Full PDB file with SEQRES, HELIX, SHEET, SSBOND, CRYST1, ORIGX, SCALE, CONECT and MASTER records, all heavy atoms in Angstrom:
SEQRES   1 A   44  ALA ALA LEU GLY LEU VAL LEU VAL LEU ALA VAL LEU THR          
SEQRES   2 A   44  TYR SER ARG TYR SER LEU LEU VAL GLU ALA ALA LEU THR          
SEQRES   3 A   44  GLU ALA ALA LYS PRO SER THR GLU ALA ALA LEU ALA ASP          
SEQRES   4 A   44  SER GLY PRO VAL PHE                                          
HELIX    1 AA1 ALA A    2  ALA A   29  1                                  28    
CRYST1    1.000    1.000    1.000  90.00  90.00  90.00 P 1           1          
ORIGX1      1.000000  0.000000  0.000000        0.00000                         
ORIGX2      0.000000  1.000000  0.000000        0.00000                         
ORIGX3      0.000000  0.000000  1.000000        0.00000                         
SCALE1      1.000000  0.000000  0.000000        0.00000                         
SCALE2      0.000000  1.000000  0.000000        0.00000                         
SCALE3      0.000000  0.000000  1.000000        0.00000                         
ATOM      1  N   ALA A   1      21.466 -19.317  -5.687  1.00  0.00           N  
ATOM      2  CA  ALA A   1      20.721 -19.104  -4.447  1.00  0.00           C  
ATOM      3  C   ALA A   1      20.330 -17.630  -4.298  1.00  0.00           C  
ATOM      4  O   ALA A   1      19.228 -17.325  -3.825  1.00  0.00           O  
ATOM      5  CB  ALA A   1      21.553 -19.557  -3.254  1.00  0.00           C  
ATOM      6  N   ALA A   2      21.209 -16.726  -4.705  1.00  0.00           N  
ATOM      7  CA  ALA A   2      20.889 -15.294  -4.635  1.00  0.00           C  
ATOM      8  C   ALA A   2      19.727 -14.958  -5.567  1.00  0.00           C  
ATOM      9  O   ALA A   2      18.820 -14.199  -5.191  1.00  0.00           O  
ATOM     10  CB  ALA A   2      22.120 -14.460  -4.984  1.00  0.00           C  
ATOM     11  N   LEU A   3      19.721 -15.519  -6.771  1.00  0.00           N  
ATOM     12  CA  LEU A   3      18.603 -15.296  -7.686  1.00  0.00           C  
ATOM     13  C   LEU A   3      17.307 -15.864  -7.114  1.00  0.00           C  
ATOM     14  O   LEU A   3      16.240 -15.251  -7.225  1.00  0.00           O  
ATOM     15  CB  LEU A   3      18.890 -15.916  -9.048  1.00  0.00           C  
ATOM     16  CG  LEU A   3      19.910 -15.199  -9.914  1.00  0.00           C  
ATOM     17  CD1 LEU A   3      20.199 -16.000 -11.177  1.00  0.00           C  
ATOM     18  CD2 LEU A   3      19.406 -13.818 -10.270  1.00  0.00           C  
ATOM     19  N   GLY A   4      17.402 -17.033  -6.493  1.00  0.00           N  
ATOM     20  CA  GLY A   4      16.225 -17.612  -5.853  1.00  0.00           C  
ATOM     21  C   GLY A   4      15.718 -16.750  -4.718  1.00  0.00           C  
ATOM     22  O   GLY A   4      14.505 -16.595  -4.526  1.00  0.00           O  
ATOM     23  N   LEU A   5      16.645 -16.167  -3.959  1.00  0.00           N  
ATOM     24  CA  LEU A   5      16.264 -15.280  -2.856  1.00  0.00           C  
ATOM     25  C   LEU A   5      15.555 -14.033  -3.373  1.00  0.00           C  
ATOM     26  O   LEU A   5      14.570 -13.573  -2.779  1.00  0.00           O  
ATOM     27  CB  LEU A   5      17.491 -14.895  -2.030  1.00  0.00           C  
ATOM     28  CG  LEU A   5      17.251 -13.983  -0.839  1.00  0.00           C  
ATOM     29  CD1 LEU A   5      16.285 -14.638   0.152  1.00  0.00           C  
ATOM     30  CD2 LEU A   5      18.565 -13.641  -0.171  1.00  0.00           C  
ATOM     31  N   VAL A   6      16.010 -13.490  -4.488  1.00  0.00           N  
ATOM     32  CA  VAL A   6      15.345 -12.328  -5.086  1.00  0.00           C  
ATOM     33  C   VAL A   6      13.917 -12.696  -5.492  1.00  0.00           C  
ATOM     34  O   VAL A   6      12.973 -11.927  -5.266  1.00  0.00           O  
ATOM     35  CB  VAL A   6      16.150 -11.793  -6.290  1.00  0.00           C  
ATOM     36  CG1 VAL A   6      15.358 -10.766  -7.080  1.00  0.00           C  
ATOM     37  CG2 VAL A   6      17.467 -11.198  -5.832  1.00  0.00           C  
ATOM     38  N   LEU A   7      13.747 -13.878  -6.056  1.00  0.00           N  
ATOM     39  CA  LEU A   7      12.410 -14.332  -6.441  1.00  0.00           C  
ATOM     40  C   LEU A   7      11.511 -14.507  -5.214  1.00  0.00           C  
ATOM     41  O   LEU A   7      10.353 -14.069  -5.208  1.00  0.00           O  
ATOM     42  CB  LEU A   7      12.498 -15.640  -7.222  1.00  0.00           C  
ATOM     43  CG  LEU A   7      11.171 -16.248  -7.653  1.00  0.00           C  
ATOM     44  CD1 LEU A   7      10.434 -15.326  -8.605  1.00  0.00           C  
ATOM     45  CD2 LEU A   7      11.398 -17.616  -8.267  1.00  0.00           C  
ATOM     46  N   VAL A   8      12.033 -15.117  -4.167  1.00  0.00           N  
ATOM     47  CA  VAL A   8      11.252 -15.313  -2.938  1.00  0.00           C  
ATOM     48  C   VAL A   8      10.875 -13.972  -2.321  1.00  0.00           C  
ATOM     49  O   VAL A   8       9.731 -13.770  -1.886  1.00  0.00           O  
ATOM     50  CB  VAL A   8      12.032 -16.195  -1.932  1.00  0.00           C  
ATOM     51  CG1 VAL A   8      11.413 -16.158  -0.557  1.00  0.00           C  
ATOM     52  CG2 VAL A   8      12.123 -17.618  -2.446  1.00  0.00           C  
ATOM     53  N   LEU A   9      11.806 -13.031  -2.291  1.00  0.00           N  
ATOM     54  CA  LEU A   9      11.508 -11.701  -1.752  1.00  0.00           C  
ATOM     55  C   LEU A   9      10.419 -11.001  -2.566  1.00  0.00           C  
ATOM     56  O   LEU A   9       9.549 -10.332  -1.997  1.00  0.00           O  
ATOM     57  CB  LEU A   9      12.772 -10.848  -1.705  1.00  0.00           C  
ATOM     58  CG  LEU A   9      13.792 -11.215  -0.638  1.00  0.00           C  
ATOM     59  CD1 LEU A   9      15.074 -10.411  -0.827  1.00  0.00           C  
ATOM     60  CD2 LEU A   9      13.221 -10.988   0.749  1.00  0.00           C  
ATOM     61  N   ALA A  10      10.461 -11.159  -3.885  1.00  0.00           N  
ATOM     62  CA  ALA A  10       9.439 -10.535  -4.730  1.00  0.00           C  
ATOM     63  C   ALA A  10       8.069 -11.153  -4.464  1.00  0.00           C  
ATOM     64  O   ALA A  10       7.063 -10.436  -4.382  1.00  0.00           O  
ATOM     65  CB  ALA A  10       9.814 -10.673  -6.203  1.00  0.00           C  
ATOM     66  N   VAL A  11       8.005 -12.459  -4.315  1.00  0.00           N  
ATOM     67  CA  VAL A  11       6.728 -13.121  -4.039  1.00  0.00           C  
ATOM     68  C   VAL A  11       6.194 -12.685  -2.677  1.00  0.00           C  
ATOM     69  O   VAL A  11       4.994 -12.401  -2.529  1.00  0.00           O  
ATOM     70  CB  VAL A  11       6.886 -14.657  -4.118  1.00  0.00           C  
ATOM     71  CG1 VAL A  11       5.679 -15.373  -3.562  1.00  0.00           C  
ATOM     72  CG2 VAL A  11       7.140 -15.086  -5.554  1.00  0.00           C  
ATOM     73  N   LEU A  12       7.061 -12.619  -1.671  1.00  0.00           N  
ATOM     74  CA  LEU A  12       6.625 -12.180  -0.346  1.00  0.00           C  
ATOM     75  C   LEU A  12       6.148 -10.728  -0.364  1.00  0.00           C  
ATOM     76  O   LEU A  12       5.146 -10.379   0.267  1.00  0.00           O  
ATOM     77  CB  LEU A  12       7.752 -12.357   0.666  1.00  0.00           C  
ATOM     78  CG  LEU A  12       8.115 -13.796   1.025  1.00  0.00           C  
ATOM     79  CD1 LEU A  12       9.340 -13.823   1.933  1.00  0.00           C  
ATOM     80  CD2 LEU A  12       6.949 -14.504   1.666  1.00  0.00           C  
ATOM     81  N   THR A  13       6.868  -9.882  -1.100  1.00  0.00           N  
ATOM     82  CA  THR A  13       6.473  -8.476  -1.204  1.00  0.00           C  
ATOM     83  C   THR A  13       5.134  -8.343  -1.907  1.00  0.00           C  
ATOM     84  O   THR A  13       4.263  -7.585  -1.473  1.00  0.00           O  
ATOM     85  CB  THR A  13       7.551  -7.668  -1.949  1.00  0.00           C  
ATOM     86  OG1 THR A  13       8.792  -7.826  -1.272  1.00  0.00           O  
ATOM     87  CG2 THR A  13       7.197  -6.197  -2.026  1.00  0.00           C  
ATOM     88  N   TYR A  14       4.947  -9.103  -2.984  1.00  0.00           N  
ATOM     89  CA  TYR A  14       3.672  -9.036  -3.702  1.00  0.00           C  
ATOM     90  C   TYR A  14       2.530  -9.515  -2.808  1.00  0.00           C  
ATOM     91  O   TYR A  14       1.466  -8.884  -2.778  1.00  0.00           O  
ATOM     92  CB  TYR A  14       3.704  -9.870  -4.982  1.00  0.00           C  
ATOM     93  CG  TYR A  14       2.373  -9.852  -5.678  1.00  0.00           C  
ATOM     94  CD1 TYR A  14       2.000  -8.777  -6.454  1.00  0.00           C  
ATOM     95  CD2 TYR A  14       1.457 -10.892  -5.510  1.00  0.00           C  
ATOM     96  CE1 TYR A  14       0.753  -8.729  -7.062  1.00  0.00           C  
ATOM     97  CE2 TYR A  14       0.210 -10.850  -6.106  1.00  0.00           C  
ATOM     98  CZ  TYR A  14      -0.125  -9.774  -6.881  1.00  0.00           C  
ATOM     99  OH  TYR A  14      -1.355  -9.720  -7.469  1.00  0.00           O  
ATOM    100  N   SER A  15       2.734 -10.600  -2.081  1.00  0.00           N  
ATOM    101  CA  SER A  15       1.648 -11.107  -1.236  1.00  0.00           C  
ATOM    102  C   SER A  15       1.307 -10.103  -0.138  1.00  0.00           C  
ATOM    103  O   SER A  15       0.131  -9.908   0.190  1.00  0.00           O  
ATOM    104  CB  SER A  15       2.012 -12.469  -0.651  1.00  0.00           C  
ATOM    105  OG  SER A  15       3.133 -12.374   0.192  1.00  0.00           O  
ATOM    106  N   ARG A  16       2.317  -9.451   0.412  1.00  0.00           N  
ATOM    107  CA  ARG A  16       2.064  -8.427   1.436  1.00  0.00           C  
ATOM    108  C   ARG A  16       1.300  -7.248   0.852  1.00  0.00           C  
ATOM    109  O   ARG A  16       0.311  -6.779   1.426  1.00  0.00           O  
ATOM    110  CB  ARG A  16       3.382  -7.945   2.037  1.00  0.00           C  
ATOM    111  CG  ARG A  16       3.202  -6.846   3.057  1.00  0.00           C  
ATOM    112  CD  ARG A  16       4.534  -6.448   3.687  1.00  0.00           C  
ATOM    113  NE  ARG A  16       4.337  -5.373   4.624  1.00  0.00           N  
ATOM    114  CZ  ARG A  16       4.652  -4.101   4.373  1.00  0.00           C  
ATOM    115  NH1 ARG A  16       5.203  -3.766   3.225  1.00  0.00           N  
ATOM    116  NH2 ARG A  16       4.444  -3.169   5.276  1.00  0.00           N  
ATOM    117  N   TYR A  17       1.744  -6.756  -0.301  1.00  0.00           N  
ATOM    118  CA  TYR A  17       1.092  -5.592  -0.889  1.00  0.00           C  
ATOM    119  C   TYR A  17      -0.274  -5.915  -1.453  1.00  0.00           C  
ATOM    120  O   TYR A  17      -1.143  -5.042  -1.490  1.00  0.00           O  
ATOM    121  CB  TYR A  17       1.984  -4.935  -1.950  1.00  0.00           C  
ATOM    122  CG  TYR A  17       2.875  -3.902  -1.334  1.00  0.00           C  
ATOM    123  CD1 TYR A  17       4.170  -4.210  -0.971  1.00  0.00           C  
ATOM    124  CD2 TYR A  17       2.417  -2.628  -1.072  1.00  0.00           C  
ATOM    125  CE1 TYR A  17       4.990  -3.276  -0.379  1.00  0.00           C  
ATOM    126  CE2 TYR A  17       3.219  -1.682  -0.474  1.00  0.00           C  
ATOM    127  CZ  TYR A  17       4.510  -2.014  -0.133  1.00  0.00           C  
ATOM    128  OH  TYR A  17       5.305  -1.085   0.466  1.00  0.00           O  
ATOM    129  N   SER A  18      -0.513  -7.134  -1.894  1.00  0.00           N  
ATOM    130  CA  SER A  18      -1.851  -7.458  -2.388  1.00  0.00           C  
ATOM    131  C   SER A  18      -2.864  -7.369  -1.244  1.00  0.00           C  
ATOM    132  O   SER A  18      -3.985  -6.894  -1.437  1.00  0.00           O  
ATOM    133  CB  SER A  18      -1.875  -8.838  -3.045  1.00  0.00           C  
ATOM    134  OG  SER A  18      -1.618  -9.848  -2.102  1.00  0.00           O  
ATOM    135  N   LEU A  19      -2.466  -7.802  -0.044  1.00  0.00           N  
ATOM    136  CA  LEU A  19      -3.355  -7.681   1.113  1.00  0.00           C  
ATOM    137  C   LEU A  19      -3.558  -6.216   1.504  1.00  0.00           C  
ATOM    138  O   LEU A  19      -4.678  -5.788   1.800  1.00  0.00           O  
ATOM    139  CB  LEU A  19      -2.794  -8.468   2.296  1.00  0.00           C  
ATOM    140  CG  LEU A  19      -2.727  -9.986   2.122  1.00  0.00           C  
ATOM    141  CD1 LEU A  19      -2.014 -10.616   3.306  1.00  0.00           C  
ATOM    142  CD2 LEU A  19      -4.112 -10.565   1.941  1.00  0.00           C  
ATOM    143  N   LEU A  20      -2.469  -5.436   1.494  1.00  0.00           N  
ATOM    144  CA  LEU A  20      -2.571  -4.024   1.855  1.00  0.00           C  
ATOM    145  C   LEU A  20      -3.417  -3.238   0.859  1.00  0.00           C  
ATOM    146  O   LEU A  20      -4.215  -2.375   1.245  1.00  0.00           O  
ATOM    147  CB  LEU A  20      -1.177  -3.399   1.943  1.00  0.00           C  
ATOM    148  CG  LEU A  20      -0.299  -3.844   3.110  1.00  0.00           C  
ATOM    149  CD1 LEU A  20       1.093  -3.252   2.980  1.00  0.00           C  
ATOM    150  CD2 LEU A  20      -0.931  -3.433   4.427  1.00  0.00           C  
ATOM    151  N   VAL A  21      -3.264  -3.533  -0.421  1.00  0.00           N  
ATOM    152  CA  VAL A  21      -4.021  -2.812  -1.449  1.00  0.00           C  
ATOM    153  C   VAL A  21      -5.499  -3.163  -1.356  1.00  0.00           C  
ATOM    154  O   VAL A  21      -6.357  -2.278  -1.467  1.00  0.00           O  
ATOM    155  CB  VAL A  21      -3.453  -3.119  -2.855  1.00  0.00           C  
ATOM    156  CG1 VAL A  21      -4.382  -2.668  -3.943  1.00  0.00           C  
ATOM    157  CG2 VAL A  21      -2.093  -2.469  -3.020  1.00  0.00           C  
ATOM    158  N   GLU A  22      -5.806  -4.430  -1.145  1.00  0.00           N  
ATOM    159  CA  GLU A  22      -7.213  -4.815  -0.993  1.00  0.00           C  
ATOM    160  C   GLU A  22      -7.849  -4.094   0.183  1.00  0.00           C  
ATOM    161  O   GLU A  22      -8.961  -3.596   0.089  1.00  0.00           O  
ATOM    162  CB  GLU A  22      -7.329  -6.332  -0.816  1.00  0.00           C  
ATOM    163  CG  GLU A  22      -7.102  -7.130  -2.073  1.00  0.00           C  
ATOM    164  CD  GLU A  22      -8.182  -6.919  -3.120  1.00  0.00           C  
ATOM    165  OE1 GLU A  22      -9.328  -6.573  -2.774  1.00  0.00           O  
ATOM    166  OE2 GLU A  22      -7.855  -7.091  -4.301  1.00  0.00           O  
ATOM    167  N   ALA A  23      -7.126  -4.027   1.304  1.00  0.00           N  
ATOM    168  CA  ALA A  23      -7.652  -3.326   2.470  1.00  0.00           C  
ATOM    169  C   ALA A  23      -7.820  -1.835   2.195  1.00  0.00           C  
ATOM    170  O   ALA A  23      -8.823  -1.224   2.594  1.00  0.00           O  
ATOM    171  CB  ALA A  23      -6.738  -3.544   3.671  1.00  0.00           C  
ATOM    172  N   ALA A  24      -6.863  -1.235   1.498  1.00  0.00           N  
ATOM    173  CA  ALA A  24      -6.942   0.199   1.192  1.00  0.00           C  
ATOM    174  C   ALA A  24      -8.085   0.490   0.226  1.00  0.00           C  
ATOM    175  O   ALA A  24      -8.788   1.494   0.373  1.00  0.00           O  
ATOM    176  CB  ALA A  24      -5.621   0.686   0.613  1.00  0.00           C  
ATOM    177  N   LEU A  25      -8.287  -0.368  -0.766  1.00  0.00           N  
ATOM    178  CA  LEU A  25      -9.384  -0.155  -1.707  1.00  0.00           C  
ATOM    179  C   LEU A  25     -10.732  -0.324  -1.020  1.00  0.00           C  
ATOM    180  O   LEU A  25     -11.684   0.403  -1.317  1.00  0.00           O  
ATOM    181  CB  LEU A  25      -9.265  -1.113  -2.891  1.00  0.00           C  
ATOM    182  CG  LEU A  25      -8.131  -0.823  -3.871  1.00  0.00           C  
ATOM    183  CD1 LEU A  25      -8.048  -1.911  -4.918  1.00  0.00           C  
ATOM    184  CD2 LEU A  25      -8.309   0.532  -4.520  1.00  0.00           C  
ATOM    185  N   THR A  26     -10.826  -1.259  -0.096  1.00  0.00           N  
ATOM    186  CA  THR A  26     -12.059  -1.445   0.660  1.00  0.00           C  
ATOM    187  C   THR A  26     -12.339  -0.227   1.538  1.00  0.00           C  
ATOM    188  O   THR A  26     -13.472   0.250   1.615  1.00  0.00           O  
ATOM    189  CB  THR A  26     -11.969  -2.713   1.533  1.00  0.00           C  
ATOM    190  OG1 THR A  26     -11.673  -3.818   0.689  1.00  0.00           O  
ATOM    191  CG2 THR A  26     -13.251  -2.962   2.280  1.00  0.00           C  
ATOM    192  N   GLU A  27     -11.285   0.277   2.177  1.00  0.00           N  
ATOM    193  CA  GLU A  27     -11.435   1.463   3.031  1.00  0.00           C  
ATOM    194  C   GLU A  27     -11.796   2.699   2.209  1.00  0.00           C  
ATOM    195  O   GLU A  27     -12.596   3.525   2.630  1.00  0.00           O  
ATOM    196  CB  GLU A  27     -10.144   1.706   3.815  1.00  0.00           C  
ATOM    197  CG  GLU A  27     -10.215   2.805   4.818  1.00  0.00           C  
ATOM    198  CD  GLU A  27     -11.152   2.498   5.986  1.00  0.00           C  
ATOM    199  OE1 GLU A  27     -11.329   1.322   6.319  1.00  0.00           O  
ATOM    200  OE2 GLU A  27     -11.700   3.456   6.551  1.00  0.00           O  
ATOM    201  N   ALA A  28     -11.206   2.821   1.012  1.00  0.00           N  
ATOM    202  CA  ALA A  28     -11.480   3.988   0.163  1.00  0.00           C  
ATOM    203  C   ALA A  28     -12.894   3.957  -0.396  1.00  0.00           C  
ATOM    204  O   ALA A  28     -13.459   5.005  -0.729  1.00  0.00           O  
ATOM    205  CB  ALA A  28     -10.470   4.055  -0.976  1.00  0.00           C  
ATOM    206  N   ALA A  29     -13.487   2.773  -0.494  1.00  0.00           N  
ATOM    207  CA  ALA A  29     -14.840   2.669  -1.042  1.00  0.00           C  
ATOM    208  C   ALA A  29     -15.898   3.090  -0.031  1.00  0.00           C  
ATOM    209  O   ALA A  29     -17.022   3.399  -0.410  1.00  0.00           O  
ATOM    210  CB  ALA A  29     -15.103   1.241  -1.499  1.00  0.00           C  
ATOM    211  N   LYS A  30     -15.549   3.130   1.246  1.00  0.00           N  
ATOM    212  CA  LYS A  30     -16.507   3.547   2.272  1.00  0.00           C  
ATOM    213  C   LYS A  30     -16.744   5.054   2.179  1.00  0.00           C  
ATOM    214  O   LYS A  30     -15.812   5.823   1.953  1.00  0.00           O  
ATOM    215  CB  LYS A  30     -15.974   3.205   3.665  1.00  0.00           C  
ATOM    216  CG  LYS A  30     -15.873   1.727   3.922  1.00  0.00           C  
ATOM    217  CD  LYS A  30     -15.337   1.485   5.314  1.00  0.00           C  
ATOM    218  CE  LYS A  30     -15.162   0.004   5.576  1.00  0.00           C  
ATOM    219  NZ  LYS A  30     -14.553  -0.238   6.893  1.00  0.00           N  
ATOM    220  N   PRO A  31     -17.988   5.484   2.353  1.00  0.00           N  
ATOM    221  CA  PRO A  31     -18.245   6.927   2.315  1.00  0.00           C  
ATOM    222  C   PRO A  31     -17.627   7.617   3.532  1.00  0.00           C  
ATOM    223  O   PRO A  31     -17.620   7.088   4.635  1.00  0.00           O  
ATOM    224  CB  PRO A  31     -19.765   7.021   2.338  1.00  0.00           C  
ATOM    225  CG  PRO A  31     -20.241   5.715   2.852  1.00  0.00           C  
ATOM    226  CD  PRO A  31     -19.182   4.698   2.542  1.00  0.00           C  
ATOM    227  N   SER A  32     -17.078   8.789   3.292  1.00  0.00           N  
ATOM    228  CA  SER A  32     -16.434   9.545   4.360  1.00  0.00           C  
ATOM    229  C   SER A  32     -17.010  10.946   4.415  1.00  0.00           C  
ATOM    230  O   SER A  32     -17.202  11.594   3.388  1.00  0.00           O  
ATOM    231  CB  SER A  32     -14.929   9.609   4.115  1.00  0.00           C  
ATOM    232  OG  SER A  32     -14.304  10.409   5.084  1.00  0.00           O  
ATOM    233  N   THR A  33     -17.271  11.414   5.629  1.00  0.00           N  
ATOM    234  CA  THR A  33     -17.803  12.766   5.787  1.00  0.00           C  
ATOM    235  C   THR A  33     -16.726  13.751   6.202  1.00  0.00           C  
ATOM    236  O   THR A  33     -16.980  14.939   6.297  1.00  0.00           O  
ATOM    237  CB  THR A  33     -18.915  12.776   6.855  1.00  0.00           C  
ATOM    238  OG1 THR A  33     -18.362  12.289   8.087  1.00  0.00           O  
ATOM    239  CG2 THR A  33     -20.086  11.912   6.436  1.00  0.00           C  
ATOM    240  N   GLU A  34     -15.513  13.272   6.437  1.00  0.00           N  
ATOM    241  CA  GLU A  34     -14.429  14.152   6.851  1.00  0.00           C  
ATOM    242  C   GLU A  34     -13.881  14.903   5.642  1.00  0.00           C  
ATOM    243  O   GLU A  34     -13.691  14.330   4.571  1.00  0.00           O  
ATOM    244  CB  GLU A  34     -13.305  13.343   7.493  1.00  0.00           C  
ATOM    245  CG  GLU A  34     -13.717  12.623   8.749  1.00  0.00           C  
ATOM    246  CD  GLU A  34     -12.601  11.776   9.312  1.00  0.00           C  
ATOM    247  OE1 GLU A  34     -11.437  11.975   8.898  1.00  0.00           O  
ATOM    248  OE2 GLU A  34     -12.890  10.919  10.136  1.00  0.00           O  
ATOM    249  N   ALA A  35     -13.596  16.159   5.829  1.00  0.00           N  
ATOM    250  CA  ALA A  35     -13.000  16.966   4.763  1.00  0.00           C  
ATOM    251  C   ALA A  35     -11.511  16.667   4.686  1.00  0.00           C  
ATOM    252  O   ALA A  35     -10.863  16.422   5.695  1.00  0.00           O  
ATOM    253  CB  ALA A  35     -13.222  18.451   5.036  1.00  0.00           C  
ATOM    254  N   ALA A  36     -10.992  16.691   3.479  1.00  0.00           N  
ATOM    255  CA  ALA A  36      -9.560  16.464   3.297  1.00  0.00           C  
ATOM    256  C   ALA A  36      -8.784  17.667   3.794  1.00  0.00           C  
ATOM    257  O   ALA A  36      -9.131  18.807   3.511  1.00  0.00           O  
ATOM    258  CB  ALA A  36      -9.258  16.205   1.827  1.00  0.00           C  
ATOM    259  N   LEU A  37      -7.730  17.419   4.544  1.00  0.00           N  
ATOM    260  CA  LEU A  37      -6.899  18.506   5.063  1.00  0.00           C  
ATOM    261  C   LEU A  37      -5.870  18.909   4.026  1.00  0.00           C  
ATOM    262  O   LEU A  37      -5.328  18.075   3.314  1.00  0.00           O  
ATOM    263  CB  LEU A  37      -6.196  18.046   6.343  1.00  0.00           C  
ATOM    264  CG  LEU A  37      -7.102  17.679   7.511  1.00  0.00           C  
ATOM    265  CD1 LEU A  37      -6.270  17.125   8.652  1.00  0.00           C  
ATOM    266  CD2 LEU A  37      -7.895  18.884   7.961  1.00  0.00           C  
ATOM    267  N   ALA A  38      -5.593  20.178   3.948  1.00  0.00           N  
ATOM    268  CA  ALA A  38      -4.581  20.680   3.024  1.00  0.00           C  
ATOM    269  C   ALA A  38      -3.210  20.268   3.529  1.00  0.00           C  
ATOM    270  O   ALA A  38      -2.941  20.289   4.721  1.00  0.00           O  
ATOM    271  CB  ALA A  38      -4.674  22.193   2.901  1.00  0.00           C  
ATOM    272  N   ASP A  39      -2.340  19.879   2.609  1.00  0.00           N  
ATOM    273  CA  ASP A  39      -0.992  19.462   2.971  1.00  0.00           C  
ATOM    274  C   ASP A  39      -0.143  20.698   3.218  1.00  0.00           C  
ATOM    275  O   ASP A  39       0.106  21.481   2.318  1.00  0.00           O  
ATOM    276  CB  ASP A  39      -0.391  18.600   1.856  1.00  0.00           C  
ATOM    277  CG  ASP A  39       0.971  18.061   2.238  1.00  0.00           C  
ATOM    278  OD1 ASP A  39       1.274  17.961   3.434  1.00  0.00           O  
ATOM    279  OD2 ASP A  39       1.731  17.726   1.320  1.00  0.00           O  
ATOM    280  N   SER A  40       0.293  20.873   4.449  1.00  0.00           N  
ATOM    281  CA  SER A  40       1.130  22.021   4.768  1.00  0.00           C  
ATOM    282  C   SER A  40       2.521  21.566   5.196  1.00  0.00           C  
ATOM    283  O   SER A  40       3.233  22.288   5.863  1.00  0.00           O  
ATOM    284  CB  SER A  40       0.489  22.844   5.886  1.00  0.00           C  
ATOM    285  OG  SER A  40       0.334  22.030   7.040  1.00  0.00           O  
ATOM    286  N   GLY A  41       2.894  20.366   4.793  1.00  0.00           N  
ATOM    287  CA  GLY A  41       4.186  19.805   5.165  1.00  0.00           C  
ATOM    288  C   GLY A  41       5.290  20.307   4.262  1.00  0.00           C  
ATOM    289  O   GLY A  41       5.117  21.246   3.471  1.00  0.00           O  
ATOM    290  N   PRO A  42       6.462  19.702   4.353  1.00  0.00           N  
ATOM    291  CA  PRO A  42       7.586  20.116   3.522  1.00  0.00           C  
ATOM    292  C   PRO A  42       7.320  19.836   2.045  1.00  0.00           C  
ATOM    293  O   PRO A  42       6.429  19.070   1.692  1.00  0.00           O  
ATOM    294  CB  PRO A  42       8.744  19.258   4.047  1.00  0.00           C  
ATOM    295  CG  PRO A  42       8.103  18.107   4.726  1.00  0.00           C  
ATOM    296  CD  PRO A  42       6.784  18.597   5.231  1.00  0.00           C  
ATOM    297  N   VAL A  43       8.123  20.484   1.197  1.00  0.00           N  
ATOM    298  CA  VAL A  43       7.948  20.336  -0.240  1.00  0.00           C  
ATOM    299  C   VAL A  43       8.179  18.886  -0.654  1.00  0.00           C  
ATOM    300  O   VAL A  43       7.433  18.339  -1.455  1.00  0.00           O  
ATOM    301  CB  VAL A  43       8.919  21.273  -0.995  1.00  0.00           C  
ATOM    302  CG1 VAL A  43       8.851  21.031  -2.484  1.00  0.00           C  
ATOM    303  CG2 VAL A  43       8.595  22.713  -0.667  1.00  0.00           C  
ATOM    304  N   PHE A  44       9.194  18.239  -0.103  1.00  0.00           N  
ATOM    305  CA  PHE A  44       9.446  16.839  -0.419  1.00  0.00           C  
ATOM    306  C   PHE A  44       9.415  16.027   0.860  1.00  0.00           C  
ATOM    307  O   PHE A  44      10.068  16.353   1.831  1.00  0.00           O  
ATOM    308  CB  PHE A  44      10.809  16.651  -1.092  1.00  0.00           C  
ATOM    309  CG  PHE A  44      11.102  15.207  -1.375  1.00  0.00           C  
ATOM    310  CD1 PHE A  44      10.535  14.586  -2.468  1.00  0.00           C  
ATOM    311  CD2 PHE A  44      11.894  14.460  -0.525  1.00  0.00           C  
ATOM    312  CE1 PHE A  44      10.774  13.257  -2.729  1.00  0.00           C  
ATOM    313  CE2 PHE A  44      12.146  13.122  -0.781  1.00  0.00           C  
ATOM    314  CZ  PHE A  44      11.577  12.519  -1.886  1.00  0.00           C  
TER     315      PHE A  44                                                      
MASTER        0    0    0    1    0    0    0    6  314    1    0    4          
END                                                                             
């Protein structure tokens, strides 16, 4: 049952990330006029 749970969690994680990645790739393909801000945060 634990092995089955690991498999189910992996499938759920993949389905969630496939939707997020598709949305991010669609958003990244749109032209943007905003300049990228320099990262001034912590080193890590």
